[in-house]
Amino acid sequence: MNNMKKIAAACAMCIAILAAASTAWSGNGVQRYEFDDALGLPGSYVACLGENITFTVHVTGTYREFVTDSGNYHLLDNWKMSHEFTGVLTGRTWIGKGVSPFSANVGPGQAAQWVSRITAKPLTGDGPMFKFENEFKVTVNANGDLVVDRPSEPEFGESVRCIGKY
């Protein structure tokens, strides 16, 4: 999901700015997002559905961020997502629900990661259900060495798994 990569890059920029703060502080809040399939038409091909699908995602994110006395910045950002998937050829519609917790810390050692888990059911009828999972993780140790680099691949259409009829 290219949108996730864009959001992660924006978060990284904000994290770098906030990490410069040297005094301890904390905050929390709720944010709402909405975005469409970054690929647009014809959408992402899903082999087990036999067609391309497009989607819109609605996100409610609750977050907590804080800076410790040592100057390390931490962000815990928990997303609850609802998806509307549409088959380009058939017009079939699925409603998906899922979560995508994100966490990051910046200091002598740095880490950022998220996991997305979505399950979709047909809006009407007894069509196929499907699941999608995606994860991303980067860890850099206190010496600046890259320890873990797990990019958010494969893309959406390649990781959908059909799980039977609803």
C-alpha atoms as a PDB file:
ATOM      1  CA  MET A   1       0.000   0.000   0.000  1.00  0.00           C
ATOM      2  CA  ASN A   2       1.812   3.052  -1.209  1.00  0.00           C
ATOM      3  CA  ASN A   3      -0.282   5.274   1.072  1.00  0.00           C
ATOM      4  CA  MET A   4       1.168   3.477   4.088  1.00  0.00           C
ATOM      5  CA  LYS A   5       4.676   4.221   2.825  1.00  0.00           C
ATOM      6  CA  LYS A   6       3.800   7.904   2.373  1.00  0.00           C
ATOM      7  CA  ILE A   7       2.338   8.049   5.861  1.00  0.00           C
ATOM      8  CA  ALA A   8       5.406   6.292   7.310  1.00  0.00           C
ATOM      9  CA  ALA A   9       7.690   8.821   5.602  1.00  0.00           C
ATOM     10  CA  ALA A  10       5.636  11.724   6.973  1.00  0.00           C
ATOM     11  CA  CYS A  11       5.740  10.154  10.450  1.00  0.00           C
ATOM     12  CA  ALA A  12       9.510   9.751  10.211  1.00  0.00           C
ATOM     13  CA  MET A  13       9.906  13.437   9.401  1.00  0.00           C
ATOM     14  CA  CYS A  14       7.681  14.425  12.340  1.00  0.00           C
ATOM     15  CA  ILE A  15       9.537  12.008  14.604  1.00  0.00           C
ATOM     16  CA  ALA A  16      12.896  13.567  13.736  1.00  0.00           C
ATOM     17  CA  ILE A  17      11.584  17.029  14.593  1.00  0.00           C
ATOM     18  CA  LEU A  18       9.965  15.919  17.840  1.00  0.00           C
ATOM     19  CA  ALA A  19      12.991  13.872  18.880  1.00  0.00           C
ATOM     20  CA  ALA A  20      15.029  17.071  19.052  1.00  0.00           C
ATOM     21  CA  ALA A  21      13.060  18.039  22.158  1.00  0.00           C
ATOM     22  CA  SER A  22      15.229  17.517  25.230  1.00  0.00           C
ATOM     23  CA  THR A  23      12.600  17.715  27.959  1.00  0.00           C
ATOM     24  CA  ALA A  24      10.136  14.991  28.858  1.00  0.00           C
ATOM     25  CA  TRP A  25       6.565  15.473  27.652  1.00  0.00           C
ATOM     26  CA  SER A  26       3.619  13.378  26.512  1.00  0.00           C
ATOM     27  CA  GLY A  27       0.430  13.720  24.527  1.00  0.00           C
ATOM     28  CA  ASN A  28      -2.358  11.670  23.059  1.00  0.00           C
ATOM     29  CA  GLY A  29      -5.303  12.086  20.739  1.00  0.00           C
ATOM     30  CA  VAL A  30      -7.572  10.738  18.028  1.00  0.00           C
ATOM     31  CA  GLN A  31      -7.191  11.359  14.302  1.00  0.00           C
ATOM     32  CA  ARG A  32      -9.308  10.301  11.337  1.00  0.00           C
ATOM     33  CA  TYR A  33      -8.052   9.588   7.811  1.00  0.00           C
ATOM     34  CA  GLU A  34      -9.591   8.512   4.519  1.00  0.00           C
ATOM     35  CA  PHE A  35      -7.748   7.472   1.384  1.00  0.00           C
ATOM     36  CA  ASP A  36      -8.390   5.624  -1.872  1.00  0.00           C
ATOM     37  CA  ASP A  37      -6.475   2.886  -3.627  1.00  0.00           C
ATOM     38  CA  ALA A  38      -3.222   4.581  -4.618  1.00  0.00           C
ATOM     39  CA  LEU A  39      -3.132   2.553  -7.825  1.00  0.00           C
ATOM     40  CA  GLY A  40      -6.536   3.784  -9.050  1.00  0.00           C
ATOM     41  CA  LEU A  41      -8.300   1.987 -11.879  1.00  0.00           C
ATOM     42  CA  PRO A  42      -7.972  -0.772 -12.893  1.00  0.00           C
ATOM     43  CA  GLY A  43      -7.183  -1.474  -9.230  1.00  0.00           C
ATOM     44  CA  SER A  44      -5.151  -4.277  -7.733  1.00  0.00           C
ATOM     45  CA  TYR A  45      -5.484  -7.740  -9.269  1.00  0.00           C
ATOM     46  CA  VAL A  46      -6.483 -10.399  -6.744  1.00  0.00           C
ATOM     47  CA  ALA A  47      -5.960 -13.882  -8.176  1.00  0.00           C
ATOM     48  CA  CYS A  48      -8.236 -15.767  -5.785  1.00  0.00           C
ATOM     49  CA  LEU A  49     -11.118 -13.365  -6.616  1.00  0.00           C
ATOM     50  CA  GLY A  50     -10.316 -13.459 -10.339  1.00  0.00           C
ATOM     51  CA  GLU A  51     -10.539  -9.697 -10.793  1.00  0.00           C
ATOM     52  CA  ASN A  52      -9.124  -6.301  -9.998  1.00  0.00           C
ATOM     53  CA  ILE A  53     -10.478  -4.486  -6.961  1.00  0.00           C
ATOM     54  CA  THR A  54     -10.303  -0.890  -5.812  1.00  0.00           C
ATOM     55  CA  PHE A  55     -10.778   0.288  -2.256  1.00  0.00           C
ATOM     56  CA  THR A  56     -11.415   3.191   0.061  1.00  0.00           C
ATOM     57  CA  VAL A  57     -10.134   3.105   3.635  1.00  0.00           C
ATOM     58  CA  HIS A  58     -11.542   4.968   6.636  1.00  0.00           C
ATOM     59  CA  VAL A  59      -9.192   5.096   9.619  1.00  0.00           C
ATOM     60  CA  THR A  60      -9.661   6.141  13.218  1.00  0.00           C
ATOM     61  CA  GLY A  61      -6.274   6.345  14.868  1.00  0.00           C
ATOM     62  CA  THR A  62      -5.641   6.780  18.544  1.00  0.00           C
ATOM     63  CA  TYR A  63      -2.115   7.739  19.414  1.00  0.00           C
ATOM     64  CA  ARG A  64       0.140   8.343  22.352  1.00  0.00           C
ATOM     65  CA  GLU A  65       3.476  10.062  21.996  1.00  0.00           C
ATOM     66  CA  PHE A  66       6.067  11.002  24.555  1.00  0.00           C
ATOM     67  CA  VAL A  67       9.648  12.086  25.007  1.00  0.00           C
ATOM     68  CA  THR A  68      11.611  10.633  27.896  1.00  0.00           C
ATOM     69  CA  ASP A  69      14.102  12.561  30.049  1.00  0.00           C
ATOM     70  CA  SER A  70      16.894  11.078  27.903  1.00  0.00           C
ATOM     71  CA  GLY A  71      15.399  12.776  24.825  1.00  0.00           C
ATOM     72  CA  ASN A  72      14.096   9.597  23.154  1.00  0.00           C
ATOM     73  CA  TYR A  73      10.819  10.127  21.282  1.00  0.00           C
ATOM     74  CA  HIS A  74       8.182   7.353  21.233  1.00  0.00           C
ATOM     75  CA  LEU A  75       4.979   7.084  19.190  1.00  0.00           C
ATOM     76  CA  LEU A  76       2.268   4.437  19.578  1.00  0.00           C
ATOM     77  CA  ASP A  77      -0.342   4.874  16.853  1.00  0.00           C
ATOM     78  CA  ASN A  78      -3.181   2.333  16.752  1.00  0.00           C
ATOM     79  CA  TRP A  79      -5.403   2.352  13.682  1.00  0.00           C
ATOM     80  CA  LYS A  80      -8.856   0.800  13.435  1.00  0.00           C
ATOM     81  CA  MET A  81      -9.768   0.585   9.766  1.00  0.00           C
ATOM     82  CA  SER A  82     -12.873  -0.060   7.702  1.00  0.00           C
ATOM     83  CA  HIS A  83     -12.506  -0.736   3.991  1.00  0.00           C
ATOM     84  CA  GLU A  84     -14.915  -0.651   1.075  1.00  0.00           C
ATOM     85  CA  PHE A  85     -13.649  -2.950  -1.714  1.00  0.00           C
ATOM     86  CA  THR A  86     -15.240  -2.978  -5.195  1.00  0.00           C
ATOM     87  CA  GLY A  87     -14.651  -5.475  -7.991  1.00  0.00           C
ATOM     88  CA  VAL A  88     -13.880  -3.588 -11.214  1.00  0.00           C
ATOM     89  CA  LEU A  89     -15.419  -6.234 -13.534  1.00  0.00           C
ATOM     90  CA  THR A  90     -18.282  -7.588 -11.450  1.00  0.00           C
ATOM     91  CA  GLY A  91     -19.150  -4.647  -9.219  1.00  0.00           C
ATOM     92  CA  ARG A  92     -19.122  -6.987  -6.215  1.00  0.00           C
ATOM     93  CA  THR A  93     -18.613  -5.171  -2.923  1.00  0.00           C
ATOM     94  CA  TRP A  94     -16.851  -6.270   0.244  1.00  0.00           C
ATOM     95  CA  ILE A  95     -16.667  -4.576   3.624  1.00  0.00           C
ATOM     96  CA  GLY A  96     -13.398  -5.048   5.471  1.00  0.00           C
ATOM     97  CA  LYS A  97     -12.425  -4.428   9.073  1.00  0.00           C
ATOM     98  CA  GLY A  98      -8.965  -4.456  10.526  1.00  0.00           C
ATOM     99  CA  VAL A  99      -6.270  -2.958  12.680  1.00  0.00           C
ATOM    100  CA  SER A 100      -2.829  -1.564  11.976  1.00  0.00           C
ATOM    101  CA  PRO A 101      -0.791  -0.731  15.054  1.00  0.00           C
ATOM    102  CA  PHE A 102       2.290   1.423  14.407  1.00  0.00           C
ATOM    103  CA  SER A 103       5.113   2.125  16.832  1.00  0.00           C
ATOM    104  CA  ALA A 104       8.315   4.099  16.554  1.00  0.00           C
ATOM    105  CA  ASN A 105      11.084   5.360  18.784  1.00  0.00           C
ATOM    106  CA  VAL A 106      13.927   7.715  17.990  1.00  0.00           C
ATOM    107  CA  GLY A 107      17.023   8.034  20.121  1.00  0.00           C
ATOM    108  CA  PRO A 108      20.387   6.272  20.298  1.00  0.00           C
ATOM    109  CA  GLY A 109      18.647   3.190  18.849  1.00  0.00           C
ATOM    110  CA  GLN A 110      15.704   3.602  16.479  1.00  0.00           C
ATOM    111  CA  ALA A 111      12.822   1.391  15.470  1.00  0.00           C
ATOM    112  CA  ALA A 112       9.638   1.734  13.459  1.00  0.00           C
ATOM    113  CA  GLN A 113       7.102  -0.956  12.640  1.00  0.00           C
ATOM    114  CA  TRP A 114       3.493  -1.608  11.741  1.00  0.00           C
ATOM    115  CA  VAL A 115       1.317  -4.626  11.022  1.00  0.00           C
ATOM    116  CA  SER A 116      -1.933  -4.411   9.035  1.00  0.00           C
ATOM    117  CA  ARG A 117      -4.544  -7.167   9.311  1.00  0.00           C
ATOM    118  CA  ILE A 118      -7.792  -6.843   7.377  1.00  0.00           C
ATOM    119  CA  THR A 119     -10.647  -9.328   6.905  1.00  0.00           C
ATOM    120  CA  ALA A 120     -13.312  -8.615   4.238  1.00  0.00           C
ATOM    121  CA  LYS A 121     -16.793 -10.093   3.840  1.00  0.00           C
ATOM    122  CA  PRO A 122     -19.189  -9.637   0.927  1.00  0.00           C
ATOM    123  CA  LEU A 123     -21.672  -6.820   1.433  1.00  0.00           C
ATOM    124  CA  THR A 124     -24.444  -9.009   0.021  1.00  0.00           C
ATOM    125  CA  GLY A 125     -24.762 -12.677  -0.891  1.00  0.00           C
ATOM    126  CA  ASP A 126     -22.471 -15.531  -0.054  1.00  0.00           C
ATOM    127  CA  GLY A 127     -19.390 -14.592  -2.058  1.00  0.00           C
ATOM    128  CA  PRO A 128     -15.798 -15.254  -1.028  1.00  0.00           C
ATOM    129  CA  MET A 129     -14.258 -13.644   2.042  1.00  0.00           C
ATOM    130  CA  PHE A 130     -10.606 -12.647   2.029  1.00  0.00           C
ATOM    131  CA  LYS A 131      -7.784 -11.549   4.304  1.00  0.00           C
ATOM    132  CA  PHE A 132      -4.838  -9.245   3.803  1.00  0.00           C
ATOM    133  CA  GLU A 133      -1.804  -8.907   6.047  1.00  0.00           C
ATOM    134  CA  ASN A 134       1.168  -6.611   5.622  1.00  0.00           C
ATOM    135  CA  GLU A 135       4.030  -5.643   7.906  1.00  0.00           C
ATOM    136  CA  PHE A 136       6.969  -3.279   7.963  1.00  0.00           C
ATOM    137  CA  LYS A 137       9.870  -3.077  10.394  1.00  0.00           C
ATOM    138  CA  VAL A 138      13.146  -1.146  10.523  1.00  0.00           C
ATOM    139  CA  THR A 139      15.528  -1.178  13.489  1.00  0.00           C
ATOM    140  CA  VAL A 140      18.811   0.713  13.796  1.00  0.00           C
ATOM    141  CA  ASN A 141      21.074   0.062  16.793  1.00  0.00           C
ATOM    142  CA  ALA A 142      22.797   2.753  18.905  1.00  0.00           C
ATOM    143  CA  ASN A 143      25.861   2.597  16.596  1.00  0.00           C
ATOM    144  CA  GLY A 144      23.702   3.491  13.579  1.00  0.00           C
ATOM    145  CA  ASP A 145      23.865  -0.031  12.098  1.00  0.00           C
ATOM    146  CA  LEU A 146      20.770  -1.317  10.318  1.00  0.00           C
ATOM    147  CA  VAL A 147      19.713  -4.414  12.278  1.00  0.00           C
ATOM    148  CA  VAL A 148      16.291  -5.220  10.771  1.00  0.00           C
ATOM    149  CA  ASP A 149      14.974  -4.102   7.390  1.00  0.00           C
ATOM    150  CA  ARG A 150      11.690  -5.766   6.513  1.00  0.00           C
ATOM    151  CA  PRO A 151       9.933  -3.662   3.849  1.00  0.00           C
ATOM    152  CA  SER A 152       6.171  -3.657   3.386  1.00  0.00           C
ATOM    153  CA  GLU A 153       6.107  -6.058   0.473  1.00  0.00           C
ATOM    154  CA  PRO A 154       4.379  -7.702  -1.267  1.00  0.00           C
ATOM    155  CA  GLU A 155       1.803  -5.196  -2.470  1.00  0.00           C
ATOM    156  CA  PHE A 156      -1.882  -5.533  -1.603  1.00  0.00           C
ATOM    157  CA  GLY A 157      -3.125  -7.644  -4.541  1.00  0.00           C
ATOM    158  CA  GLU A 158      -0.298 -10.140  -4.181  1.00  0.00           C
ATOM    159  CA  SER A 159      -0.990 -10.864  -0.500  1.00  0.00           C
ATOM    160  CA  VAL A 160      -4.758 -11.326  -0.474  1.00  0.00           C
ATOM    161  CA  ARG A 161      -5.814 -14.786   0.650  1.00  0.00           C
ATOM    162  CA  CYS A 162      -9.386 -15.998   0.026  1.00  0.00           C
ATOM    163  CA  ILE A 163     -10.850 -17.886   2.976  1.00  0.00           C
ATOM    164  CA  GLY A 164     -14.142 -19.332   1.701  1.00  0.00           C
ATOM    165  CA  LYS A 165     -17.714 -18.197   1.420  1.00  0.00           C
ATOM    166  CA  TYR A 166     -19.520 -16.093   3.959  1.00  0.00           C
END
